[in-house]
PDB file of all heavy atoms in Angstrom:
ATOM      1  N   GLN A   1       0.825  -1.217   0.000  1.00  0.00           N
ATOM      2  CA  GLN A   1       0.000   0.000   0.000  1.00  0.00           C
ATOM      3  C   GLN A   1       0.855   1.261   0.000  1.00  0.00           C
ATOM      4  O   GLN A   1       0.635   2.176  -0.792  1.00  0.00           O
ATOM      5  CB  GLN A   1      -0.937   0.014   1.210  1.00  0.00           C
ATOM      6  CG  GLN A   1      -1.875   1.212   1.194  1.00  0.00           C
ATOM      7  CD  GLN A   1      -2.915   1.140   2.295  1.00  0.00           C
ATOM      8  OE1 GLN A   1      -2.745   0.415   3.274  1.00  0.00           O
ATOM      9  NE2 GLN A   1      -3.996   1.866   2.141  1.00  0.00           N
ATOM     10  N   SER A   2       1.854   1.327   0.886  1.00  0.00           N
ATOM     11  CA  SER A   2       2.692   2.521   0.927  1.00  0.00           C
ATOM     12  C   SER A   2       3.488   2.674  -0.362  1.00  0.00           C
ATOM     13  O   SER A   2       3.737   3.785  -0.820  1.00  0.00           O
ATOM     14  CB  SER A   2       3.643   2.454   2.132  1.00  0.00           C
ATOM     15  OG  SER A   2       4.485   1.319   2.038  1.00  0.00           O
ATOM     16  N   MET A   3       3.882   1.560  -0.955  1.00  0.00           N
ATOM     17  CA  MET A   3       4.591   1.616  -2.226  1.00  0.00           C
ATOM     18  C   MET A   3       3.675   2.161  -3.318  1.00  0.00           C
ATOM     19  O   MET A   3       4.083   2.960  -4.150  1.00  0.00           O
ATOM     20  CB  MET A   3       5.068   0.222  -2.615  1.00  0.00           C
ATOM     21  CG  MET A   3       5.948  -0.464  -1.601  1.00  0.00           C
ATOM     22  SD  MET A   3       6.359  -2.117  -2.180  1.00  0.00           S
ATOM     23  CE  MET A   3       6.764  -2.916  -0.649  1.00  0.00           C
ATOM     24  N   GLU A   4       2.423   1.706  -3.283  1.00  0.00           N
ATOM     25  CA  GLU A   4       1.465   2.150  -4.291  1.00  0.00           C
ATOM     26  C   GLU A   4       1.226   3.651  -4.189  1.00  0.00           C
ATOM     27  O   GLU A   4       1.078   4.346  -5.186  1.00  0.00           O
ATOM     28  CB  GLU A   4       0.138   1.407  -4.108  1.00  0.00           C
ATOM     29  CG  GLU A   4       0.136   0.040  -4.751  1.00  0.00           C
ATOM     30  CD  GLU A   4       0.046   0.155  -6.260  1.00  0.00           C
ATOM     31  OE1 GLU A   4      -1.017   0.484  -6.786  1.00  0.00           O
ATOM     32  OE2 GLU A   4       1.067  -0.073  -6.912  1.00  0.00           O
ATOM     33  N   GLN A   5       1.182   4.178  -2.969  1.00  0.00           N
ATOM     34  CA  GLN A   5       0.950   5.608  -2.802  1.00  0.00           C
ATOM     35  C   GLN A   5       2.071   6.412  -3.436  1.00  0.00           C
ATOM     36  O   GLN A   5       1.832   7.429  -4.098  1.00  0.00           O
ATOM     37  CB  GLN A   5       0.822   5.922  -1.308  1.00  0.00           C
ATOM     38  CG  GLN A   5      -0.441   5.356  -0.681  1.00  0.00           C
ATOM     39  CD  GLN A   5      -0.469   5.489   0.828  1.00  0.00           C
ATOM     40  OE1 GLN A   5       0.544   5.815   1.463  1.00  0.00           O
ATOM     41  NE2 GLN A   5      -1.616   5.248   1.433  1.00  0.00           N
ATOM     42  N   SER A   6       3.313   5.943  -3.275  1.00  0.00           N
ATOM     43  CA  SER A   6       4.438   6.629  -3.912  1.00  0.00           C
ATOM     44  C   SER A   6       4.381   6.484  -5.424  1.00  0.00           C
ATOM     45  O   SER A   6       4.624   7.435  -6.160  1.00  0.00           O
ATOM     46  CB  SER A   6       5.756   6.041  -3.393  1.00  0.00           C
ATOM     47  OG  SER A   6       5.874   6.227  -2.010  1.00  0.00           O
ATOM     48  N   ARG A   7       4.031   5.279  -5.875  1.00  0.00           N
ATOM     49  CA  ARG A   7       3.993   5.019  -7.306  1.00  0.00           C
ATOM     50  C   ARG A   7       2.948   5.866  -8.000  1.00  0.00           C
ATOM     51  O   ARG A   7       3.157   6.378  -9.099  1.00  0.00           O
ATOM     52  CB  ARG A   7       3.727   3.529  -7.520  1.00  0.00           C
ATOM     53  CG  ARG A   7       3.920   2.995  -8.924  1.00  0.00           C
ATOM     54  CD  ARG A   7       2.670   3.030  -9.752  1.00  0.00           C
ATOM     55  NE  ARG A   7       1.576   2.349  -9.133  1.00  0.00           N
ATOM     56  CZ  ARG A   7       0.340   2.382  -9.585  1.00  0.00           C
ATOM     57  NH1 ARG A   7       0.050   3.096 -10.646  1.00  0.00           N
ATOM     58  NH2 ARG A   7      -0.623   1.739  -8.968  1.00  0.00           N
ATOM     59  N   ARG A   8       1.778   6.077  -7.368  1.00  0.00           N
ATOM     60  CA  ARG A   8       0.677   6.771  -8.029  1.00  0.00           C
ATOM     61  C   ARG A   8       0.967   8.244  -8.284  1.00  0.00           C
ATOM     62  O   ARG A   8       0.326   8.873  -9.118  1.00  0.00           O
ATOM     63  CB  ARG A   8      -0.596   6.646  -7.183  1.00  0.00           C
ATOM     64  CG  ARG A   8      -1.209   5.242  -7.219  1.00  0.00           C
ATOM     65  CD  ARG A   8      -2.613   5.245  -6.636  1.00  0.00           C
ATOM     66  NE  ARG A   8      -3.143   3.903  -6.555  1.00  0.00           N
ATOM     67  CZ  ARG A   8      -3.353   3.245  -5.428  1.00  0.00           C
ATOM     68  NH1 ARG A   8      -3.060   3.818  -4.274  1.00  0.00           N
ATOM     69  NH2 ARG A   8      -3.854   2.033  -5.439  1.00  0.00           N
ATOM     70  N   ARG A   9       1.932   8.808  -7.555  1.00  0.00           N
ATOM     71  CA  ARG A   9       2.270  10.205  -7.799  1.00  0.00           C
ATOM     72  C   ARG A   9       2.789  10.392  -9.219  1.00  0.00           C
ATOM     73  O   ARG A   9       2.680  11.477  -9.798  1.00  0.00           O
ATOM     74  CB  ARG A   9       3.328  10.665  -6.782  1.00  0.00           C
ATOM     75  CG  ARG A   9       2.800  10.785  -5.367  1.00  0.00           C
ATOM     76  CD  ARG A   9       3.733  11.640  -4.528  1.00  0.00           C
ATOM     77  NE  ARG A   9       5.068  11.067  -4.432  1.00  0.00           N
ATOM     78  CZ  ARG A   9       5.462  10.257  -3.460  1.00  0.00           C
ATOM     79  NH1 ARG A   9       4.612   9.914  -2.522  1.00  0.00           N
ATOM     80  NH2 ARG A   9       6.707   9.788  -3.430  1.00  0.00           N
ATOM     81  N   LEU A  10       3.391   9.334  -9.772  1.00  0.00           N
ATOM     82  CA  LEU A  10       3.951   9.430 -11.111  1.00  0.00           C
ATOM     83  C   LEU A  10       3.223   8.544 -12.114  1.00  0.00           C
ATOM     84  O   LEU A  10       3.032   8.922 -13.264  1.00  0.00           O
ATOM     85  CB  LEU A  10       5.432   9.022 -11.077  1.00  0.00           C
ATOM     86  CG  LEU A  10       6.353   9.924 -10.259  1.00  0.00           C
ATOM     87  CD1 LEU A  10       7.728   9.270 -10.138  1.00  0.00           C
ATOM     88  CD2 LEU A  10       6.493  11.290 -10.909  1.00  0.00           C
ATOM     89  N   ASP A  11       2.830   7.373 -11.674  1.00  0.00           N
ATOM     90  CA  ASP A  11       2.285   6.362 -12.578  1.00  0.00           C
ATOM     91  C   ASP A  11       0.794   6.187 -12.288  1.00  0.00           C
ATOM     92  O   ASP A  11       0.410   5.649 -11.261  1.00  0.00           O
ATOM     93  CB  ASP A  11       3.044   5.055 -12.362  1.00  0.00           C
ATOM     94  CG  ASP A  11       2.606   3.963 -13.323  1.00  0.00           C
ATOM     95  OD1 ASP A  11       1.718   4.224 -14.149  1.00  0.00           O
ATOM     96  OD2 ASP A  11       3.150   2.858 -13.231  1.00  0.00           O
ATOM     97  N   LYS A  12      -0.063   6.645 -13.186  1.00  0.00           N
ATOM     98  CA  LYS A  12      -1.506   6.634 -12.964  1.00  0.00           C
ATOM     99  C   LYS A  12      -2.192   5.408 -13.561  1.00  0.00           C
ATOM    100  O   LYS A  12      -3.423   5.345 -13.608  1.00  0.00           O
ATOM    101  CB  LYS A  12      -2.124   7.902 -13.580  1.00  0.00           C
ATOM    102  CG  LYS A  12      -1.501   9.202 -13.096  1.00  0.00           C
ATOM    103  CD  LYS A  12      -1.699   9.398 -11.602  1.00  0.00           C
ATOM    104  CE  LYS A  12      -1.138  10.740 -11.141  1.00  0.00           C
ATOM    105  NZ  LYS A  12      -1.272  10.928  -9.683  1.00  0.00           N
ATOM    106  N   ARG A  13      -1.442   4.441 -14.041  1.00  0.00           N
ATOM    107  CA  ARG A  13      -2.050   3.311 -14.714  1.00  0.00           C
ATOM    108  C   ARG A  13      -2.849   2.415 -13.765  1.00  0.00           C
ATOM    109  O   ARG A  13      -2.532   2.273 -12.597  1.00  0.00           O
ATOM    110  CB  ARG A  13      -0.976   2.457 -15.386  1.00  0.00           C
ATOM    111  CG  ARG A  13      -0.259   3.119 -16.528  1.00  0.00           C
ATOM    112  CD  ARG A  13       0.857   2.231 -17.046  1.00  0.00           C
ATOM    113  NE  ARG A  13       1.860   1.992 -16.014  1.00  0.00           N
ATOM    114  CZ  ARG A  13       2.736   0.997 -16.055  1.00  0.00           C
ATOM    115  NH1 ARG A  13       2.718   0.156 -17.050  1.00  0.00           N
ATOM    116  NH2 ARG A  13       3.624   0.857 -15.098  1.00  0.00           N
ATOM    117  N   LYS A  14      -3.893   1.794 -14.319  1.00  0.00           N
ATOM    118  CA  LYS A  14      -4.636   0.776 -13.593  1.00  0.00           C
ATOM    119  C   LYS A  14      -3.808  -0.493 -13.556  1.00  0.00           C
ATOM    120  O   LYS A  14      -3.131  -0.833 -14.534  1.00  0.00           O
ATOM    121  CB  LYS A  14      -5.963   0.494 -14.312  1.00  0.00           C
ATOM    122  CG  LYS A  14      -6.852  -0.537 -13.641  1.00  0.00           C
ATOM    123  CD  LYS A  14      -7.410  -0.022 -12.332  1.00  0.00           C
ATOM    124  CE  LYS A  14      -8.390  -1.031 -11.742  1.00  0.00           C
ATOM    125  NZ  LYS A  14      -8.910  -0.573 -10.432  1.00  0.00           N
ATOM    126  N   ARG A  15      -3.842  -1.228 -12.446  1.00  0.00           N
ATOM    127  CA  ARG A  15      -3.069  -2.451 -12.325  1.00  0.00           C
ATOM    128  C   ARG A  15      -4.000  -3.655 -12.201  1.00  0.00           C
ATOM    129  O   ARG A  15      -5.068  -3.584 -11.605  1.00  0.00           O
ATOM    130  CB  ARG A  15      -2.150  -2.394 -11.107  1.00  0.00           C
ATOM    131  CG  ARG A  15      -1.058  -1.357 -11.259  1.00  0.00           C
ATOM    132  CD  ARG A  15       0.090  -1.615 -10.291  1.00  0.00           C
ATOM    133  NE  ARG A  15       1.135  -0.632 -10.457  1.00  0.00           N
ATOM    134  CZ  ARG A  15       2.083  -0.704 -11.375  1.00  0.00           C
ATOM    135  NH1 ARG A  15       2.110  -1.713 -12.209  1.00  0.00           N
ATOM    136  NH2 ARG A  15       3.003   0.236 -11.474  1.00  0.00           N
ATOM    137  N   ALA A  16      -3.544  -4.769 -12.770  1.00  0.00           N
ATOM    138  CA  ALA A  16      -4.283  -6.024 -12.665  1.00  0.00           C
ATOM    139  C   ALA A  16      -3.318  -7.150 -12.348  1.00  0.00           C
ATOM    140  O   ALA A  16      -2.233  -7.235 -12.937  1.00  0.00           O
ATOM    141  CB  ALA A  16      -5.033  -6.314 -13.961  1.00  0.00           C
ATOM    142  N   LEU A  17      -3.704  -8.010 -11.413  1.00  0.00           N
ATOM    143  CA  LEU A  17      -2.893  -9.157 -11.032  1.00  0.00           C
ATOM    144  C   LEU A  17      -3.570 -10.433 -11.529  1.00  0.00           C
ATOM    145  O   LEU A  17      -4.751 -10.676 -11.238  1.00  0.00           O
ATOM    146  CB  LEU A  17      -2.738  -9.227  -9.513  1.00  0.00           C
ATOM    147  CG  LEU A  17      -1.930 -10.431  -8.995  1.00  0.00           C
ATOM    148  CD1 LEU A  17      -0.469 -10.287  -9.379  1.00  0.00           C
ATOM    149  CD2 LEU A  17      -2.073 -10.579  -7.485  1.00  0.00           C
ATOM    150  N   TYR A  18      -2.820 -11.242 -12.276  1.00  0.00           N
ATOM    151  CA  TYR A  18      -3.300 -12.529 -12.776  1.00  0.00           C
ATOM    152  C   TYR A  18      -2.497 -13.638 -12.104  1.00  0.00           C
ATOM    153  O   TYR A  18      -1.267 -13.583 -12.059  1.00  0.00           O
ATOM    154  CB  TYR A  18      -3.110 -12.628 -14.287  1.00  0.00           C
ATOM    155  CG  TYR A  18      -3.949 -11.670 -15.105  1.00  0.00           C
ATOM    156  CD1 TYR A  18      -3.578 -10.334 -15.243  1.00  0.00           C
ATOM    157  CD2 TYR A  18      -5.099 -12.105 -15.760  1.00  0.00           C
ATOM    158  CE1 TYR A  18      -4.332  -9.452 -16.003  1.00  0.00           C
ATOM    159  CE2 TYR A  18      -5.864 -11.231 -16.534  1.00  0.00           C
ATOM    160  CZ  TYR A  18      -5.470  -9.905 -16.649  1.00  0.00           C
ATOM    161  OH  TYR A  18      -6.220  -9.031 -17.407  1.00  0.00           O
ATOM    162  N   ILE A  19      -3.193 -14.659 -11.592  1.00  0.00           N
ATOM    163  CA  ILE A  19      -2.534 -15.814 -10.976  1.00  0.00           C
ATOM    164  C   ILE A  19      -2.907 -17.058 -11.772  1.00  0.00           C
ATOM    165  O   ILE A  19      -4.087 -17.370 -11.941  1.00  0.00           O
ATOM    166  CB  ILE A  19      -2.941 -15.991  -9.509  1.00  0.00           C
ATOM    167  CG1 ILE A  19      -2.614 -14.730  -8.703  1.00  0.00           C
ATOM    168  CG2 ILE A  19      -2.239 -17.201  -8.902  1.00  0.00           C
ATOM    169  CD1 ILE A  19      -3.049 -14.801  -7.252  1.00  0.00           C
ATOM    170  N   LEU A  20      -1.892 -17.761 -12.254  1.00  0.00           N
ATOM    171  CA  LEU A  20      -2.094 -18.979 -13.038  1.00  0.00           C
ATOM    172  C   LEU A  20      -1.648 -20.161 -12.180  1.00  0.00           C
ATOM    173  O   LEU A  20      -0.461 -20.384 -11.985  1.00  0.00           O
ATOM    174  CB  LEU A  20      -1.299 -18.907 -14.341  1.00  0.00           C
ATOM    175  CG  LEU A  20      -1.678 -19.855 -15.484  1.00  0.00           C
ATOM    176  CD1 LEU A  20      -0.954 -19.448 -16.765  1.00  0.00           C
ATOM    177  CD2 LEU A  20      -1.387 -21.305 -15.160  1.00  0.00           C
ATOM    178  N   MET A  21      -2.633 -20.915 -11.656  1.00  0.00           N
ATOM    179  CA  MET A  21      -2.346 -22.083 -10.825  1.00  0.00           C
ATOM    180  C   MET A  21      -2.405 -23.337 -11.691  1.00  0.00           C
ATOM    181  O   MET A  21      -3.456 -23.669 -12.246  1.00  0.00           O
ATOM    182  CB  MET A  21      -3.352 -22.186  -9.671  1.00  0.00           C
ATOM    183  CG  MET A  21      -3.355 -20.987  -8.743  1.00  0.00           C
ATOM    184  SD  MET A  21      -1.787 -20.720  -7.863  1.00  0.00           S
ATOM    185  CE  MET A  21      -1.755 -22.140  -6.754  1.00  0.00           C
ATOM    186  N   ASN A  22      -1.288 -24.024 -11.793  1.00  0.00           N
ATOM    187  CA  ASN A  22      -1.214 -25.212 -12.639  1.00  0.00           C
ATOM    188  C   ASN A  22      -1.630 -26.470 -11.878  1.00  0.00           C
ATOM    189  O   ASN A  22      -0.894 -27.447 -11.776  1.00  0.00           O
ATOM    190  CB  ASN A  22       0.208 -25.378 -13.178  1.00  0.00           C
ATOM    191  CG  ASN A  22       0.547 -24.345 -14.227  1.00  0.00           C
ATOM    192  OD1 ASN A  22      -0.122 -24.239 -15.240  1.00  0.00           O
ATOM    193  ND2 ASN A  22       1.597 -23.562 -13.974  1.00  0.00           N
ATOM    194  N   ASN A  23      -2.818 -26.449 -11.335  1.00  0.00           N
ATOM    195  CA  ASN A  23      -3.376 -27.586 -10.617  1.00  0.00           C
ATOM    196  C   ASN A  23      -4.817 -27.265 -10.221  1.00  0.00           C
ATOM    197  O   ASN A  23      -5.297 -26.162 -10.484  1.00  0.00           O
ATOM    198  CB  ASN A  23      -2.547 -27.916  -9.360  1.00  0.00           C
ATOM    199  CG  ASN A  23      -2.040 -26.680  -8.667  1.00  0.00           C
ATOM    200  OD1 ASN A  23      -2.829 -25.864  -8.206  1.00  0.00           O
ATOM    201  ND2 ASN A  23      -0.724 -26.522  -8.589  1.00  0.00           N
ATOM    202  N   THR A  24      -5.493 -28.205  -9.595  1.00  0.00           N
ATOM    203  CA  THR A  24      -6.826 -27.940  -9.081  1.00  0.00           C
ATOM    204  C   THR A  24      -6.706 -27.377  -7.673  1.00  0.00           C
ATOM    205  O   THR A  24      -5.713 -27.569  -6.984  1.00  0.00           O
ATOM    206  CB  THR A  24      -7.691 -29.208  -9.032  1.00  0.00           C
ATOM    207  OG1 THR A  24      -7.084 -30.142  -8.137  1.00  0.00           O
ATOM    208  CG2 THR A  24      -7.830 -29.835 -10.409  1.00  0.00           C
ATOM    209  N   MET A  25      -7.757 -26.703  -7.231  1.00  0.00           N
ATOM    210  CA  MET A  25      -7.784 -26.139  -5.893  1.00  0.00           C
ATOM    211  C   MET A  25      -8.797 -26.844  -4.999  1.00  0.00           C
ATOM    212  O   MET A  25      -8.895 -26.565  -3.825  1.00  0.00           O
ATOM    213  CB  MET A  25      -8.135 -24.646  -5.965  1.00  0.00           C
ATOM    214  CG  MET A  25      -7.091 -23.788  -6.660  1.00  0.00           C
ATOM    215  SD  MET A  25      -5.605 -23.545  -5.646  1.00  0.00           S
ATOM    216  CE  MET A  25      -4.494 -24.784  -6.300  1.00  0.00           C
ATOM    217  N   ARG A  26      -9.553 -27.757  -5.570  1.00  0.00           N
ATOM    218  CA  ARG A  26     -10.642 -28.394  -4.831  1.00  0.00           C
ATOM    219  C   ARG A  26     -10.140 -29.583  -4.012  1.00  0.00           C
ATOM    220  O   ARG A  26      -9.443 -30.450  -4.539  1.00  0.00           O
ATOM    221  CB  ARG A  26     -11.723 -28.888  -5.802  1.00  0.00           C
ATOM    222  CG  ARG A  26     -12.929 -29.537  -5.137  1.00  0.00           C
ATOM    223  CD  ARG A  26     -13.887 -30.068  -6.193  1.00  0.00           C
ATOM    224  NE  ARG A  26     -15.094 -30.607  -5.606  1.00  0.00           N
ATOM    225  CZ  ARG A  26     -15.229 -31.858  -5.179  1.00  0.00           C
ATOM    226  NH1 ARG A  26     -14.203 -32.688  -5.270  1.00  0.00           N
ATOM    227  NH2 ARG A  26     -16.365 -32.281  -4.658  1.00  0.00           N
ATOM    228  N   PRO A  27     -10.507 -29.661  -2.732  1.00  0.00           N
ATOM    229  CA  PRO A  27     -10.173 -30.863  -1.950  1.00  0.00           C
ATOM    230  C   PRO A  27     -10.831 -32.090  -2.581  1.00  0.00           C
ATOM    231  O   PRO A  27     -11.940 -32.007  -3.107  1.00  0.00           O
ATOM    232  CB  PRO A  27     -10.771 -30.563  -0.569  1.00  0.00           C
ATOM    233  CG  PRO A  27     -10.893 -29.079  -0.519  1.00  0.00           C
ATOM    234  CD  PRO A  27     -11.194 -28.641  -1.919  1.00  0.00           C
ATOM    235  N   ARG A  28     -10.150 -33.214  -2.539  1.00  0.00           N
ATOM    236  CA  ARG A  28     -10.696 -34.448  -3.111  1.00  0.00           C
ATOM    237  C   ARG A  28     -10.655 -35.545  -2.065  1.00  0.00           C
ATOM    238  O   ARG A  28      -9.616 -35.824  -1.474  1.00  0.00           O
ATOM    239  CB  ARG A  28      -9.884 -34.880  -4.335  1.00  0.00           C
ATOM    240  CG  ARG A  28     -10.423 -36.127  -5.019  1.00  0.00           C
ATOM    241  CD  ARG A  28      -9.591 -36.466  -6.243  1.00  0.00           C
ATOM    242  NE  ARG A  28      -8.275 -36.963  -5.880  1.00  0.00           N
ATOM    243  CZ  ARG A  28      -7.992 -38.241  -5.614  1.00  0.00           C
ATOM    244  NH1 ARG A  28      -8.948 -39.132  -5.662  1.00  0.00           N
ATOM    245  NH2 ARG A  28      -6.771 -38.600  -5.303  1.00  0.00           N
ATOM    246  N   PHE A  29     -11.827 -36.166  -1.842  1.00  0.00           N
ATOM    247  CA  PHE A  29     -11.879 -37.241  -0.852  1.00  0.00           C
ATOM    248  C   PHE A  29     -11.149 -38.474  -1.365  1.00  0.00           C
ATOM    249  O   PHE A  29     -11.323 -38.894  -2.506  1.00  0.00           O
ATOM    250  CB  PHE A  29     -13.322 -37.622  -0.528  1.00  0.00           C
ATOM    251  CG  PHE A  29     -13.405 -38.738   0.486  1.00  0.00           C
ATOM    252  CD1 PHE A  29     -13.317 -38.467   1.830  1.00  0.00           C
ATOM    253  CD2 PHE A  29     -13.527 -40.062   0.072  1.00  0.00           C
ATOM    254  CE1 PHE A  29     -13.357 -39.489   2.768  1.00  0.00           C
ATOM    255  CE2 PHE A  29     -13.566 -41.089   0.996  1.00  0.00           C
ATOM    256  CZ  PHE A  29     -13.486 -40.808   2.350  1.00  0.00           C
ATOM    257  N   GLU A  30     -10.324 -39.032  -0.508  1.00  0.00           N
ATOM    258  CA  GLU A  30      -9.623 -40.275  -0.810  1.00  0.00           C
ATOM    259  C   GLU A  30      -9.256 -40.912   0.514  1.00  0.00           C
ATOM    260  O   GLU A  30      -8.500 -40.340   1.304  1.00  0.00           O
ATOM    261  CB  GLU A  30      -8.362 -39.988  -1.634  1.00  0.00           C
ATOM    262  CG  GLU A  30      -7.559 -41.231  -1.988  1.00  0.00           C
ATOM    263  CD  GLU A  30      -6.312 -40.882  -2.782  1.00  0.00           C
ATOM    264  OE1 GLU A  30      -6.441 -40.384  -3.909  1.00  0.00           O
ATOM    265  OE2 GLU A  30      -5.199 -41.114  -2.255  1.00  0.00           O
ATOM    266  N   GLN A  31      -9.837 -42.088   0.792  1.00  0.00           N
ATOM    267  CA  GLN A  31      -9.574 -42.736   2.064  1.00  0.00           C
ATOM    268  C   GLN A  31      -8.089 -43.067   2.195  1.00  0.00           C
ATOM    269  O   GLN A  31      -7.500 -43.722   1.336  1.00  0.00           O
ATOM    270  CB  GLN A  31     -10.402 -44.019   2.213  1.00  0.00           C
ATOM    271  CG  GLN A  31     -10.242 -44.657   3.593  1.00  0.00           C
ATOM    272  CD  GLN A  31     -11.222 -45.792   3.809  1.00  0.00           C
ATOM    273  OE1 GLN A  31     -12.039 -46.084   2.944  1.00  0.00           O
ATOM    274  NE2 GLN A  31     -11.141 -46.441   4.956  1.00  0.00           N
ATOM    275  N   THR A  32      -7.494 -42.575   3.262  1.00  0.00           N
ATOM    276  CA  THR A  32      -6.058 -42.753   3.475  1.00  0.00           C
ATOM    277  C   THR A  32      -5.774 -44.117   4.093  1.00  0.00           C
ATOM    278  O   THR A  32      -6.426 -44.527   5.057  1.00  0.00           O
ATOM    279  CB  THR A  32      -5.527 -41.643   4.403  1.00  0.00           C
ATOM    280  OG1 THR A  32      -5.883 -40.370   3.871  1.00  0.00           O
ATOM    281  CG2 THR A  32      -4.016 -41.731   4.534  1.00  0.00           C
TER     282      THR A  32
END
């Protein structure tokens, strides 16, 4: 946040963060 405040004084661009997870996120039942 503090970095962003400094950055915005000069750089007015909108930012977007993309996360690419190379797997599933869902728990899967499997009797251990």
